[in-house]
Amino acid sequence: MYKITGNRQFATDGYETLQAMYRQFGYSFYAIHIPVRLGLQTLKAAGMMDEYEGLKSDFLQTGDIFIKNGLNYPKHEVNYEQSVVAPAVSFLAQLYLETGKQKYLNEAQRQLSVLEAFNGKQPSYHLNDIAIRHWDGYWFGKREMFGDTFPHYWSALTGEAFHYYALCTGDSTYQHRAENIVRNNLCLFFEDGKASCAYLYPSKVDGIKAQFYDPYANDQDWALVSYMTVYKKQ
């Protein structure tokens, strides 16, 4: 909003929101979509250098904890999942882009191989580089069915991580994979303007027919956020 309007109040509100996150959760929370580059660049553009330096210090402390933890990810909603690893890679890669400190890129590279392990290479757009996720149809869907979801919008987080890694390294292979992932997630949006939070991929789950898009459209617009992030190429 600051970039659109030039109103510094939006930059202030964004900064204070991030400060509230750090006050409540500290520096070791693996949050989705922490705006490292956007946050720092916005504060600098707004001339808010004290806030810029403060937020940069916060981000550096988080990055150092991510390095210290390495592959020993803390328990989140579940013990281990793609939407904990992907934000870590994205955060570390963005921190490298803003600071140039090699240790953050080195750790992003180490965790990238772990993130890639969630993906398959099947030709179907449901499965092609889409991270395996489970139970999303139960927690987010109207039908409340367990089973693998291909895709669920958080699978697009891997696309963001690949995008930031490509910016760090110049490896266009990861940019192409990022674009493929966010395009594949567009199957959650239909020609009539409706959408779905998840596709239940198995033919049956506990003996009940699956292979359907859940009727709820409740959070899938996050896939569009990932799409715009990947295609802005900066």
Protein backbone atom coordinates (compact mmCIF):
# COMPACT_ATOMS: atom_id res chain seq x y z
CA MET A 1 0.00 0.00 0.00
CA TYR A 2 2.91 2.35 0.66
CA LYS A 3 4.27 1.66 -2.82
CA ILE A 4 0.86 2.44 -4.33
CA THR A 5 0.02 5.56 -2.30
CA GLY A 6 3.28 6.94 -0.90
CA ASN A 7 1.53 7.26 2.45
CA ARG A 8 4.09 6.57 5.19
CA GLN A 9 1.36 5.42 7.55
CA PHE A 10 1.18 2.15 5.61
CA ALA A 11 4.91 1.63 6.06
CA THR A 12 4.50 2.36 9.77
CA ASP A 13 1.60 -0.07 10.08
CA GLY A 14 3.60 -2.80 8.34
CA TYR A 15 6.57 -2.21 10.60
CA GLU A 16 4.45 -2.26 13.75
CA THR A 17 2.75 -5.48 12.64
CA LEU A 18 6.13 -7.18 12.32
CA GLN A 19 7.19 -5.79 15.69
CA ALA A 20 4.05 -7.26 17.25
CA MET A 21 4.94 -10.63 15.74
CA TYR A 22 8.41 -10.52 17.26
CA ARG A 23 7.09 -9.41 20.65
CA GLN A 24 4.63 -12.28 20.80
CA PHE A 25 6.63 -15.08 19.15
CA GLY A 26 10.29 -14.12 19.43
CA TYR A 27 12.83 -14.88 16.73
CA SER A 28 12.40 -18.61 16.29
CA PHE A 29 8.93 -18.84 14.73
CA TYR A 30 8.91 -20.24 11.17
CA ALA A 31 6.18 -17.95 9.89
CA ILE A 32 4.88 -18.02 6.34
CA HIS A 33 5.46 -14.95 4.13
CA ILE A 34 7.70 -12.84 6.36
CA PRO A 35 8.35 -9.91 3.96
CA VAL A 36 12.11 -9.58 4.38
CA ARG A 37 12.87 -7.76 1.13
CA LEU A 38 9.60 -5.87 0.86
CA GLY A 39 9.72 -4.79 4.51
CA LEU A 40 13.27 -3.49 4.41
CA GLN A 41 12.97 -1.87 1.00
CA THR A 42 9.73 -0.14 1.95
CA LEU A 43 11.17 1.34 5.14
CA LYS A 44 14.23 2.56 3.26
CA ALA A 45 12.09 4.12 0.52
CA ALA A 46 9.98 5.85 3.17
CA GLY A 47 13.09 7.31 4.80
CA MET A 48 12.39 5.45 8.05
CA MET A 49 16.00 4.49 8.69
CA ASP A 50 15.72 3.89 12.44
CA GLU A 51 12.90 1.42 11.80
CA TYR A 52 14.87 -0.05 8.90
CA GLU A 53 17.90 -0.75 11.08
CA GLY A 54 15.71 -2.16 13.85
CA LEU A 55 13.82 -4.51 11.55
CA LYS A 56 17.02 -5.57 9.84
CA SER A 57 18.43 -6.50 13.27
CA ASP A 58 15.27 -8.53 13.96
CA PHE A 59 15.60 -10.36 10.66
CA LEU A 60 19.28 -11.09 11.26
CA GLN A 61 18.50 -12.62 14.64
CA THR A 62 15.84 -14.82 13.04
CA GLY A 63 18.20 -15.87 10.27
CA ASP A 64 20.89 -16.79 12.78
CA ILE A 65 18.43 -18.98 14.68
CA PHE A 66 17.40 -20.68 11.43
CA ILE A 67 21.08 -21.41 10.78
CA LYS A 68 21.57 -22.71 14.32
CA ASN A 69 18.53 -24.98 14.05
CA GLY A 70 19.55 -26.19 10.62
CA LEU A 71 17.51 -29.25 9.71
CA ASN A 72 16.22 -29.66 13.27
CA TYR A 73 12.95 -27.88 12.60
CA PRO A 74 10.78 -27.12 15.62
CA LYS A 75 7.37 -28.72 15.89
CA HIS A 76 4.64 -26.57 14.40
CA GLU A 77 1.02 -27.56 13.72
CA VAL A 78 2.51 -30.96 12.91
CA ASN A 79 5.96 -32.39 13.59
CA TYR A 80 7.33 -31.80 10.11
CA GLU A 81 5.92 -30.40 6.88
CA GLN A 82 6.73 -28.56 3.67
CA SER A 83 5.22 -25.27 4.89
CA VAL A 84 7.87 -25.05 7.62
CA VAL A 85 10.84 -25.79 5.35
CA ALA A 86 9.75 -23.55 2.45
CA PRO A 87 9.43 -20.37 4.56
CA ALA A 88 12.85 -21.03 6.06
CA VAL A 89 14.48 -21.28 2.62
CA SER A 90 12.64 -18.18 1.41
CA PHE A 91 13.61 -16.20 4.50
CA LEU A 92 17.29 -17.14 4.31
CA ALA A 93 17.49 -16.46 0.58
CA GLN A 94 15.86 -13.04 0.99
CA LEU A 95 18.22 -12.23 3.83
CA TYR A 96 21.17 -13.04 1.59
CA LEU A 97 19.77 -10.81 -1.15
CA GLU A 98 19.48 -7.90 1.29
CA THR A 99 22.75 -8.37 3.19
CA GLY A 100 25.09 -10.25 0.84
CA LYS A 101 26.20 -12.44 3.76
CA GLN A 102 27.21 -15.81 2.36
CA LYS A 103 26.22 -17.79 5.45
CA TYR A 104 22.55 -17.19 4.73
CA LEU A 105 22.81 -18.46 1.15
CA ASN A 106 24.83 -21.46 2.29
CA GLU A 107 22.10 -22.46 4.73
CA ALA A 108 19.37 -21.81 2.17
CA GLN A 109 21.19 -24.17 -0.20
CA ARG A 110 21.48 -26.85 2.47
CA GLN A 111 17.78 -26.70 3.32
CA LEU A 112 16.76 -26.49 -0.33
CA SER A 113 17.56 -30.16 -0.90
CA VAL A 114 15.26 -31.05 2.00
CA LEU A 115 12.49 -28.92 0.52
CA GLU A 116 12.86 -30.57 -2.88
CA ALA A 117 12.33 -33.98 -1.27
CA PHE A 118 8.62 -33.14 -0.81
CA ASN A 119 8.17 -32.90 -4.59
CA GLY A 120 7.58 -35.50 -7.26
CA LYS A 121 8.12 -35.27 -11.01
CA GLN A 122 4.98 -36.92 -12.35
CA PRO A 123 3.65 -35.36 -15.59
CA SER A 124 0.20 -34.45 -14.23
CA TYR A 125 -0.20 -30.81 -13.19
CA HIS A 126 -1.60 -32.15 -9.91
CA LEU A 127 1.74 -33.76 -9.11
CA ASN A 128 4.44 -32.06 -11.19
CA ASP A 129 6.80 -30.48 -8.64
CA ILE A 130 3.81 -30.05 -6.28
CA ALA A 131 4.78 -30.70 -2.66
CA ILE A 132 3.01 -33.57 -0.95
CA ARG A 133 0.57 -32.37 1.68
CA HIS A 134 -1.89 -34.32 3.80
CA TRP A 135 -5.01 -33.52 5.81
CA ASP A 136 -5.49 -30.05 4.27
CA GLY A 137 -8.89 -31.14 2.98
CA TYR A 138 -9.79 -32.11 6.54
CA TRP A 139 -8.64 -28.92 8.27
CA PHE A 140 -9.64 -26.44 5.55
CA GLY A 141 -12.33 -28.20 3.53
CA LYS A 142 -16.09 -28.55 3.76
CA ARG A 143 -16.02 -32.33 3.26
CA GLU A 144 -13.50 -32.77 6.11
CA MET A 145 -11.78 -35.72 4.45
CA PHE A 146 -8.27 -36.90 5.18
CA GLY A 147 -6.02 -37.70 2.23
CA ASP A 148 -3.25 -36.21 0.11
CA THR A 149 -4.08 -32.86 -1.45
CA PHE A 150 -2.56 -32.15 -4.87
CA PRO A 151 -2.52 -29.24 -4.93
CA HIS A 152 -3.22 -27.28 -1.80
CA TYR A 153 -2.35 -23.60 -2.06
CA TRP A 154 0.52 -23.81 0.44
CA SER A 155 2.33 -26.03 -2.07
CA ALA A 156 2.98 -22.75 -3.92
CA LEU A 157 5.33 -21.72 -1.10
CA THR A 158 7.93 -24.00 -2.66
CA GLY A 159 7.63 -21.94 -5.83
CA GLU A 160 8.47 -18.80 -3.85
CA ALA A 161 11.50 -20.49 -2.29
CA PHE A 162 12.76 -21.61 -5.71
CA HIS A 163 12.23 -18.07 -7.04
CA TYR A 164 14.29 -16.44 -4.31
CA TYR A 165 17.00 -19.07 -4.70
CA ALA A 166 17.15 -18.34 -8.43
CA LEU A 167 17.58 -14.62 -7.67
CA CYS A 168 20.45 -15.47 -5.32
CA THR A 169 22.30 -17.77 -7.68
CA GLY A 170 21.20 -16.86 -11.20
CA ASP A 171 20.16 -20.49 -11.71
CA SER A 172 17.26 -20.14 -14.15
CA THR A 173 16.31 -23.80 -13.65
CA TYR A 174 14.80 -22.91 -10.28
CA GLN A 175 12.96 -19.92 -11.71
CA HIS A 176 11.39 -22.16 -14.35
CA ARG A 177 10.41 -24.67 -11.67
CA ALA A 178 8.94 -21.85 -9.55
CA GLU A 179 6.79 -20.65 -12.45
CA ASN A 180 5.65 -24.20 -13.15
CA ILE A 181 4.58 -24.70 -9.53
CA VAL A 182 2.51 -21.52 -9.28
CA ARG A 183 0.90 -22.19 -12.69
CA ASN A 184 -0.05 -25.70 -11.62
CA ASN A 185 -1.78 -24.21 -8.56
CA LEU A 186 -4.07 -22.22 -10.84
CA CYS A 187 -6.14 -25.39 -11.30
CA LEU A 188 -7.73 -24.36 -7.99
CA PHE A 189 -9.48 -21.53 -9.89
CA PHE A 190 -12.27 -22.25 -12.37
CA GLU A 191 -13.50 -20.49 -15.49
CA ASP A 192 -16.76 -19.45 -13.82
CA GLY A 193 -14.86 -17.49 -11.15
CA LYS A 194 -15.28 -20.07 -8.41
CA ALA A 195 -12.36 -21.71 -6.62
CA SER A 196 -11.36 -24.46 -4.19
CA CYS A 197 -9.07 -24.64 -1.19
CA ALA A 198 -7.76 -28.11 -2.08
CA TYR A 199 -8.01 -31.04 -4.45
CA LEU A 200 -8.39 -34.46 -2.79
CA TYR A 201 -6.25 -36.57 -5.08
CA PRO A 202 -6.70 -40.25 -4.04
CA SER A 203 -9.42 -42.20 -5.79
CA LYS A 204 -10.78 -43.20 -2.36
CA VAL A 205 -10.10 -42.20 1.23
CA ASP A 206 -11.26 -44.66 3.90
CA GLY A 207 -13.51 -46.25 1.30
CA ILE A 208 -15.15 -42.95 0.33
CA LYS A 209 -14.76 -41.65 -3.24
CA ALA A 210 -12.37 -38.73 -3.51
CA GLN A 211 -10.71 -37.09 -6.56
CA PHE A 212 -12.66 -33.84 -6.15
CA TYR A 213 -12.13 -30.14 -5.55
CA ASP A 214 -13.44 -29.28 -2.10
CA PRO A 215 -16.44 -26.90 -2.24
CA TYR A 216 -14.91 -24.39 0.18
CA ALA A 217 -13.05 -21.45 -1.30
CA ASN A 218 -11.51 -19.95 1.80
CA ASP A 219 -7.77 -19.28 1.52
CA GLN A 220 -6.67 -20.30 -1.96
CA ASP A 221 -5.96 -16.70 -2.96
CA TRP A 222 -2.59 -17.21 -1.26
CA ALA A 223 -1.70 -19.19 -4.39
CA LEU A 224 -2.18 -15.95 -6.33
CA VAL A 225 0.14 -14.12 -3.92
CA SER A 226 2.78 -16.73 -4.65
CA TYR A 227 2.10 -16.40 -8.37
CA MET A 228 2.67 -12.64 -8.29
CA THR A 229 5.80 -13.07 -6.15
CA VAL A 230 7.33 -15.53 -8.59
CA TYR A 231 6.54 -13.53 -11.70
CA LYS A 232 7.75 -10.12 -10.50
CA LYS A 233 11.34 -11.46 -10.83
CA GLN A 234 12.96 -9.08 -8.37
